[in-house]
Amino acid sequence: MKNQHPNFWSTPTGWAALALIAAVTYFLVLEHGQHMLQFLPYLILLLCPLMHVFMHGSHGKHGHDHSHAPDEKKEESS
């Protein structure tokens, strides 16, 4: 039996965190949007290596058993 935990973003704390992030983003763009636009190209360039680092962590963890035994293939073909 699996003990499944709910996704963080679907809990009340997650919803509150999303609301806080949305409010902070709104006020940052509203109040500082004009002088934040000059940093947009740098933010995009910074996002590339960050995505590379954090998104490559899930490679090979798709629930597949990748243990291929070469001896088994030789015995089956004989």
PDB file of N, CA and C in Angstrom:
ATOM      1  N   MET A   1       0.838  -1.167   0.000  1.00  0.00           N
ATOM      2  CA  MET A   1       0.000   0.000   0.000  1.00  0.00           C
ATOM      3  C   MET A   1       0.893   1.243   0.000  1.00  0.00           C
ATOM      4  N   LYS A   2       0.605   2.147  -0.901  1.00  0.00           N
ATOM      5  CA  LYS A   2       1.394   3.373  -1.003  1.00  0.00           C
ATOM      6  C   LYS A   2       0.782   4.459  -0.136  1.00  0.00           C
ATOM      7  N   ASN A   3       1.639   5.178   0.546  1.00  0.00           N
ATOM      8  CA  ASN A   3       1.211   6.331   1.323  1.00  0.00           C
ATOM      9  C   ASN A   3       1.459   7.564   0.465  1.00  0.00           C
ATOM     10  N   GLN A   4       0.417   8.046  -0.204  1.00  0.00           N
ATOM     11  CA  GLN A   4       0.595   9.159  -1.131  1.00  0.00           C
ATOM     12  C   GLN A   4       0.349  10.479  -0.413  1.00  0.00           C
ATOM     13  N   HIS A   5       1.285  11.383  -0.593  1.00  0.00           N
ATOM     14  CA  HIS A   5       1.161  12.730  -0.047  1.00  0.00           C
ATOM     15  C   HIS A   5       0.602  13.631  -1.138  1.00  0.00           C
ATOM     16  N   PRO A   6      -0.257  14.570  -0.786  1.00  0.00           N
ATOM     17  CA  PRO A   6      -0.777  15.485  -1.809  1.00  0.00           C
ATOM     18  C   PRO A   6       0.328  16.401  -2.325  1.00  0.00           C
ATOM     19  N   ASN A   7       0.166  16.834  -3.543  1.00  0.00           N
ATOM     20  CA  ASN A   7       1.090  17.778  -4.148  1.00  0.00           C
ATOM     21  C   ASN A   7       1.079  19.068  -3.322  1.00  0.00           C
ATOM     22  N   PHE A   8       2.266  19.656  -3.114  1.00  0.00           N
ATOM     23  CA  PHE A   8       2.360  20.865  -2.278  1.00  0.00           C
ATOM     24  C   PHE A   8       1.464  21.975  -2.799  1.00  0.00           C
ATOM     25  N   TRP A   9       1.403  22.166  -4.105  1.00  0.00           N
ATOM     26  CA  TRP A   9       0.661  23.291  -4.666  1.00  0.00           C
ATOM     27  C   TRP A   9      -0.847  23.110  -4.550  1.00  0.00           C
ATOM     28  N   SER A  10      -1.322  21.898  -4.230  1.00  0.00           N
ATOM     29  CA  SER A  10      -2.758  21.682  -4.065  1.00  0.00           C
ATOM     30  C   SER A  10      -3.198  21.774  -2.602  1.00  0.00           C
ATOM     31  N   THR A  11      -2.267  22.004  -1.696  1.00  0.00           N
ATOM     32  CA  THR A  11      -2.606  22.179  -0.281  1.00  0.00           C
ATOM     33  C   THR A  11      -2.932  23.648  -0.011  1.00  0.00           C
ATOM     34  N   PRO A  12      -3.592  23.944   1.093  1.00  0.00           N
ATOM     35  CA  PRO A  12      -3.874  25.356   1.420  1.00  0.00           C
ATOM     36  C   PRO A  12      -2.604  26.206   1.537  1.00  0.00           C
ATOM     37  N   THR A  13      -1.539  25.624   2.054  1.00  0.00           N
ATOM     38  CA  THR A  13      -0.274  26.361   2.132  1.00  0.00           C
ATOM     39  C   THR A  13       0.260  26.660   0.736  1.00  0.00           C
ATOM     40  N   GLY A  14       0.117  25.715  -0.172  1.00  0.00           N
ATOM     41  CA  GLY A  14       0.556  25.922  -1.549  1.00  0.00           C
ATOM     42  C   GLY A  14      -0.236  27.015  -2.242  1.00  0.00           C
ATOM     43  N   TRP A  15      -1.558  27.017  -2.017  1.00  0.00           N
ATOM     44  CA  TRP A  15      -2.393  28.073  -2.602  1.00  0.00           C
ATOM     45  C   TRP A  15      -2.004  29.442  -2.041  1.00  0.00           C
ATOM     46  N   ALA A  16      -1.716  29.499  -0.750  1.00  0.00           N
ATOM     47  CA  ALA A  16      -1.287  30.766  -0.150  1.00  0.00           C
ATOM     48  C   ALA A  16       0.054  31.206  -0.722  1.00  0.00           C
ATOM     49  N   ALA A  17       0.959  30.258  -0.942  1.00  0.00           N
ATOM     50  CA  ALA A  17       2.259  30.587  -1.534  1.00  0.00           C
ATOM     51  C   ALA A  17       2.081  31.102  -2.958  1.00  0.00           C
ATOM     52  N   LEU A  18       1.197  30.468  -3.723  1.00  0.00           N
ATOM     53  CA  LEU A  18       0.934  30.942  -5.090  1.00  0.00           C
ATOM     54  C   LEU A  18       0.347  32.351  -5.085  1.00  0.00           C
ATOM     55  N   ALA A  19      -0.573  32.618  -4.170  1.00  0.00           N
ATOM     56  CA  ALA A  19      -1.160  33.958  -4.079  1.00  0.00           C
ATOM     57  C   ALA A  19      -0.103  34.989  -3.712  1.00  0.00           C
ATOM     58  N   LEU A  20       0.781  34.643  -2.784  1.00  0.00           N
ATOM     59  CA  LEU A  20       1.850  35.561  -2.387  1.00  0.00           C
ATOM     60  C   LEU A  20       2.813  35.815  -3.548  1.00  0.00           C
ATOM     61  N   ILE A  21       3.179  34.762  -4.262  1.00  0.00           N
ATOM     62  CA  ILE A  21       4.074  34.911  -5.421  1.00  0.00           C
ATOM     63  C   ILE A  21       3.418  35.780  -6.488  1.00  0.00           C
ATOM     64  N   ALA A  22       2.119  35.562  -6.731  1.00  0.00           N
ATOM     65  CA  ALA A  22       1.407  36.360  -7.733  1.00  0.00           C
ATOM     66  C   ALA A  22       1.340  37.831  -7.319  1.00  0.00           C
ATOM     67  N   ALA A  23       1.067  38.095  -6.043  1.00  0.00           N
ATOM     68  CA  ALA A  23       0.982  39.482  -5.568  1.00  0.00           C
ATOM     69  C   ALA A  23       2.333  40.178  -5.655  1.00  0.00           C
ATOM     70  N   VAL A  24       3.387  39.501  -5.239  1.00  0.00           N
ATOM     71  CA  VAL A  24       4.727  40.095  -5.301  1.00  0.00           C
ATOM     72  C   VAL A  24       5.121  40.363  -6.749  1.00  0.00           C
ATOM     73  N   THR A  25       4.838  39.415  -7.634  1.00  0.00           N
ATOM     74  CA  THR A  25       5.162  39.597  -9.052  1.00  0.00           C
ATOM     75  C   THR A  25       4.387  40.776  -9.635  1.00  0.00           C
ATOM     76  N   TYR A  26       3.105  40.875  -9.302  1.00  0.00           N
ATOM     77  CA  TYR A  26       2.277  41.971  -9.804  1.00  0.00           C
ATOM     78  C   TYR A  26       2.841  43.326  -9.376  1.00  0.00           C
ATOM     79  N   PHE A  27       3.159  43.460  -8.089  1.00  0.00           N
ATOM     80  CA  PHE A  27       3.663  44.749  -7.609  1.00  0.00           C
ATOM     81  C   PHE A  27       5.072  45.046  -8.110  1.00  0.00           C
ATOM     82  N   LEU A  28       5.891  44.028  -8.289  1.00  0.00           N
ATOM     83  CA  LEU A  28       7.217  44.269  -8.863  1.00  0.00           C
ATOM     84  C   LEU A  28       7.108  44.783 -10.293  1.00  0.00           C
ATOM     85  N   VAL A  29       6.237  44.160 -11.070  1.00  0.00           N
ATOM     86  CA  VAL A  29       6.071  44.595 -12.459  1.00  0.00           C
ATOM     87  C   VAL A  29       5.419  45.969 -12.512  1.00  0.00           C
ATOM     88  N   LEU A  30       4.434  46.197 -11.649  1.00  0.00           N
ATOM     89  CA  LEU A  30       3.723  47.471 -11.654  1.00  0.00           C
ATOM     90  C   LEU A  30       4.628  48.622 -11.219  1.00  0.00           C
ATOM     91  N   GLU A  31       5.363  48.442 -10.153  1.00  0.00           N
ATOM     92  CA  GLU A  31       6.181  49.520  -9.599  1.00  0.00           C
ATOM     93  C   GLU A  31       7.565  49.626 -10.232  1.00  0.00           C
ATOM     94  N   HIS A  32       8.135  48.513 -10.620  1.00  0.00           N
ATOM     95  CA  HIS A  32       9.520  48.522 -11.096  1.00  0.00           C
ATOM     96  C   HIS A  32       9.651  47.995 -12.525  1.00  0.00           C
ATOM     97  N   GLY A  33       8.565  47.879 -13.222  1.00  0.00           N
ATOM     98  CA  GLY A  33       8.586  47.291 -14.558  1.00  0.00           C
ATOM     99  C   GLY A  33       9.444  48.047 -15.552  1.00  0.00           C
ATOM    100  N   GLN A  34       9.414  49.365 -15.466  1.00  0.00           N
ATOM    101  CA  GLN A  34      10.150  50.170 -16.437  1.00  0.00           C
ATOM    102  C   GLN A  34      11.652  49.937 -16.353  1.00  0.00           C
ATOM    103  N   HIS A  35      12.216  49.927 -15.163  1.00  0.00           N
ATOM    104  CA  HIS A  35      13.663  49.742 -15.080  1.00  0.00           C
ATOM    105  C   HIS A  35      14.064  48.274 -14.937  1.00  0.00           C
ATOM    106  N   MET A  36      13.089  47.368 -14.839  1.00  0.00           N
ATOM    107  CA  MET A  36      13.414  45.937 -14.840  1.00  0.00           C
ATOM    108  C   MET A  36      13.570  45.401 -16.259  1.00  0.00           C
ATOM    109  N   LEU A  37      12.999  46.092 -17.237  1.00  0.00           N
ATOM    110  CA  LEU A  37      13.078  45.627 -18.622  1.00  0.00           C
ATOM    111  C   LEU A  37      14.513  45.583 -19.137  1.00  0.00           C
ATOM    112  N   GLN A  38      15.384  46.421 -18.609  1.00  0.00           N
ATOM    113  CA  GLN A  38      16.774  46.425 -19.069  1.00  0.00           C
ATOM    114  C   GLN A  38      17.509  45.149 -18.662  1.00  0.00           C
ATOM    115  N   PHE A  39      17.010  44.438 -17.642  1.00  0.00           N
ATOM    116  CA  PHE A  39      17.652  43.202 -17.189  1.00  0.00           C
ATOM    117  C   PHE A  39      17.039  41.949 -17.806  1.00  0.00           C
ATOM    118  N   LEU A  40      16.005  42.095 -18.620  1.00  0.00           N
ATOM    119  CA  LEU A  40      15.321  40.944 -19.199  1.00  0.00           C
ATOM    120  C   LEU A  40      16.238  40.039 -20.020  1.00  0.00           C
ATOM    121  N   PRO A  41      17.100  40.553 -20.897  1.00  0.00           N
ATOM    122  CA  PRO A  41      17.993  39.639 -21.632  1.00  0.00           C
ATOM    123  C   PRO A  41      18.913  38.842 -20.712  1.00  0.00           C
ATOM    124  N   TYR A  42      19.382  39.465 -19.639  1.00  0.00           N
ATOM    125  CA  TYR A  42      20.253  38.753 -18.699  1.00  0.00           C
ATOM    126  C   TYR A  42      19.479  37.688 -17.926  1.00  0.00           C
ATOM    127  N   LEU A  43      18.230  37.974 -17.602  1.00  0.00           N
ATOM    128  CA  LEU A  43      17.419  36.988 -16.902  1.00  0.00           C
ATOM    129  C   LEU A  43      17.141  35.775 -17.781  1.00  0.00           C
ATOM    130  N   ILE A  44      16.923  36.008 -19.065  1.00  0.00           N
ATOM    131  CA  ILE A  44      16.703  34.894 -19.990  1.00  0.00           C
ATOM    132  C   ILE A  44      17.967  34.054 -20.107  1.00  0.00           C
ATOM    133  N   LEU A  45      19.126  34.712 -20.205  1.00  0.00           N
ATOM    134  CA  LEU A  45      20.385  33.968 -20.272  1.00  0.00           C
ATOM    135  C   LEU A  45      20.661  33.209 -18.975  1.00  0.00           C
ATOM    136  N   LEU A  46      20.286  33.753 -17.845  1.00  0.00           N
ATOM    137  CA  LEU A  46      20.463  33.068 -16.572  1.00  0.00           C
ATOM    138  C   LEU A  46      19.503  31.893 -16.438  1.00  0.00           C
ATOM    139  N   LEU A  47      18.342  32.011 -17.036  1.00  0.00           N
ATOM    140  CA  LEU A  47      17.352  30.948 -16.954  1.00  0.00           C
ATOM    141  C   LEU A  47      17.805  29.680 -17.679  1.00  0.00           C
ATOM    142  N   CYS A  48      18.566  29.819 -18.753  1.00  0.00           N
ATOM    143  CA  CYS A  48      19.017  28.653 -19.525  1.00  0.00           C
ATOM    144  C   CYS A  48      19.852  27.678 -18.689  1.00  0.00           C
ATOM    145  N   PRO A  49      20.935  28.115 -18.031  1.00  0.00           N
ATOM    146  CA  PRO A  49      21.693  27.142 -17.235  1.00  0.00           C
ATOM    147  C   PRO A  49      20.917  26.645 -16.017  1.00  0.00           C
ATOM    148  N   LEU A  50      20.054  27.476 -15.444  1.00  0.00           N
ATOM    149  CA  LEU A  50      19.265  27.015 -14.304  1.00  0.00           C
ATOM    150  C   LEU A  50      18.303  25.904 -14.714  1.00  0.00           C
ATOM    151  N   MET A  51      17.658  26.070 -15.856  1.00  0.00           N
ATOM    152  CA  MET A  51      16.772  25.016 -16.347  1.00  0.00           C
ATOM    153  C   MET A  51      17.566  23.762 -16.670  1.00  0.00           C
ATOM    154  N   HIS A  52      18.740  23.923 -17.229  1.00  0.00           N
ATOM    155  CA  HIS A  52      19.589  22.786 -17.570  1.00  0.00           C
ATOM    156  C   HIS A  52      19.945  21.992 -16.316  1.00  0.00           C
ATOM    157  N   VAL A  53      20.332  22.681 -15.264  1.00  0.00           N
ATOM    158  CA  VAL A  53      20.737  22.007 -14.026  1.00  0.00           C
ATOM    159  C   VAL A  53      19.548  21.319 -13.359  1.00  0.00           C
ATOM    160  N   PHE A  54      18.439  22.019 -13.228  1.00  0.00           N
ATOM    161  CA  PHE A  54      17.326  21.474 -12.463  1.00  0.00           C
ATOM    162  C   PHE A  54      16.475  20.486 -13.252  1.00  0.00           C
ATOM    163  N   MET A  55      16.451  20.576 -14.568  1.00  0.00           N
ATOM    164  CA  MET A  55      15.600  19.673 -15.334  1.00  0.00           C
ATOM    165  C   MET A  55      16.317  18.388 -15.731  1.00  0.00           C
ATOM    166  N   HIS A  56      17.637  18.354 -15.675  1.00  0.00           N
ATOM    167  CA  HIS A  56      18.351  17.125 -15.989  1.00  0.00           C
ATOM    168  C   HIS A  56      18.372  16.164 -14.812  1.00  0.00           C
ATOM    169  N   GLY A  57      17.913  16.570 -13.665  1.00  0.00           N
ATOM    170  CA  GLY A  57      17.901  15.697 -12.500  1.00  0.00           C
ATOM    171  C   GLY A  57      16.931  14.540 -12.628  1.00  0.00           C
ATOM    172  N   SER A  58      15.938  14.647 -13.500  1.00  0.00           N
ATOM    173  CA  SER A  58      14.938  13.591 -13.627  1.00  0.00           C
ATOM    174  C   SER A  58      15.266  12.580 -14.718  1.00  0.00           C
ATOM    175  N   HIS A  59      16.399  12.716 -15.377  1.00  0.00           N
ATOM    176  CA  HIS A  59      16.752  11.760 -16.424  1.00  0.00           C
ATOM    177  C   HIS A  59      16.998  10.391 -15.824  1.00  0.00           C
ATOM    178  N   GLY A  60      16.422   9.379 -16.452  1.00  0.00           N
ATOM    179  CA  GLY A  60      16.644   8.011 -16.021  1.00  0.00           C
ATOM    180  C   GLY A  60      15.804   7.589 -14.840  1.00  0.00           C
ATOM    181  N   LYS A  61      14.893   8.414 -14.395  1.00  0.00           N
ATOM    182  CA  LYS A  61      14.052   8.070 -13.250  1.00  0.00           C
ATOM    183  C   LYS A  61      12.594   7.951 -13.674  1.00  0.00           C
ATOM    184  N   HIS A  62      12.357   7.276 -14.764  1.00  0.00           N
ATOM    185  CA  HIS A  62      11.006   7.173 -15.285  1.00  0.00           C
ATOM    186  C   HIS A  62      10.334   5.865 -14.893  1.00  0.00           C
ATOM    187  N   GLY A  63      10.891   5.157 -13.937  1.00  0.00           N
ATOM    188  CA  GLY A  63      10.279   3.924 -13.479  1.00  0.00           C
ATOM    189  C   GLY A  63      10.606   2.713 -14.328  1.00  0.00           C
ATOM    190  N   HIS A  64      11.518   2.827 -15.242  1.00  0.00           N
ATOM    191  CA  HIS A  64      11.901   1.706 -16.086  1.00  0.00           C
ATOM    192  C   HIS A  64      13.091   0.997 -15.473  1.00  0.00           C
ATOM    193  N   ASP A  65      13.135  -0.303 -15.672  1.00  0.00           N
ATOM    194  CA  ASP A  65      14.279  -1.072 -15.206  1.00  0.00           C
ATOM    195  C   ASP A  65      15.266  -1.152 -16.358  1.00  0.00           C
ATOM    196  N   HIS A  66      16.383  -0.460 -16.241  1.00  0.00           N
ATOM    197  CA  HIS A  66      17.366  -0.393 -17.315  1.00  0.00           C
ATOM    198  C   HIS A  66      18.503  -1.381 -17.122  1.00  0.00           C
ATOM    199  N   SER A  67      18.264  -2.439 -16.375  1.00  0.00           N
ATOM    200  CA  SER A  67      19.329  -3.420 -16.173  1.00  0.00           C
ATOM    201  C   SER A  67      19.238  -4.468 -17.278  1.00  0.00           C
ATOM    202  N   HIS A  68      20.024  -4.292 -18.300  1.00  0.00           N
ATOM    203  CA  HIS A  68      20.064  -5.222 -19.420  1.00  0.00           C
ATOM    204  C   HIS A  68      21.236  -6.165 -19.218  1.00  0.00           C
ATOM    205  N   ALA A  69      20.930  -7.421 -19.091  1.00  0.00           N
ATOM    206  CA  ALA A  69      21.988  -8.410 -18.903  1.00  0.00           C
ATOM    207  C   ALA A  69      22.358  -8.989 -20.263  1.00  0.00           C
ATOM    208  N   PRO A  70      23.580  -8.774 -20.745  1.00  0.00           N
ATOM    209  CA  PRO A  70      23.957  -9.285 -22.063  1.00  0.00           C
ATOM    210  C   PRO A  70      23.999 -10.809 -22.107  1.00  0.00           C
ATOM    211  N   ASP A  71      24.214 -11.472 -20.984  1.00  0.00           N
ATOM    212  CA  ASP A  71      24.260 -12.934 -20.975  1.00  0.00           C
ATOM    213  C   ASP A  71      22.900 -13.536 -21.298  1.00  0.00           C
ATOM    214  N   GLU A  72      21.822 -12.893 -20.872  1.00  0.00           N
ATOM    215  CA  GLU A  72      20.488 -13.409 -21.141  1.00  0.00           C
ATOM    216  C   GLU A  72      20.179 -13.372 -22.630  1.00  0.00           C
ATOM    217  N   LYS A  73      20.614 -12.341 -23.320  1.00  0.00           N
ATOM    218  CA  LYS A  73      20.359 -12.237 -24.752  1.00  0.00           C
ATOM    219  C   LYS A  73      21.094 -13.321 -25.521  1.00  0.00           C
ATOM    220  N   LYS A  74      22.316 -13.656 -25.098  1.00  0.00           N
ATOM    221  CA  LYS A  74      23.083 -14.699 -25.780  1.00  0.00           C
ATOM    222  C   LYS A  74      22.426 -16.056 -25.590  1.00  0.00           C
ATOM    223  N   GLU A  75      21.905 -16.339 -24.402  1.00  0.00           N
ATOM    224  CA  GLU A  75      21.280 -17.625 -24.136  1.00  0.00           C
ATOM    225  C   GLU A  75      19.976 -17.773 -24.897  1.00  0.00           C
ATOM    226  N   GLU A  76      19.213 -16.691 -25.047  1.00  0.00           N
ATOM    227  CA  GLU A  76      17.944 -16.753 -25.754  1.00  0.00           C
ATOM    228  C   GLU A  76      18.143 -17.001 -27.238  1.00  0.00           C
ATOM    229  N   SER A  77      19.180 -16.445 -27.840  1.00  0.00           N
ATOM    230  CA  SER A  77      19.393 -16.593 -29.274  1.00  0.00           C
ATOM    231  C   SER A  77      19.965 -17.959 -29.626  1.00  0.00           C
ATOM    232  N   SER A  78      20.518 -18.677 -28.682  1.00  0.00           N
ATOM    233  CA  SER A  78      21.117 -19.992 -28.964  1.00  0.00           C
ATOM    234  C   SER A  78      20.086 -21.069 -29.027  1.00  0.00           C
TER     235      SER A  78
END
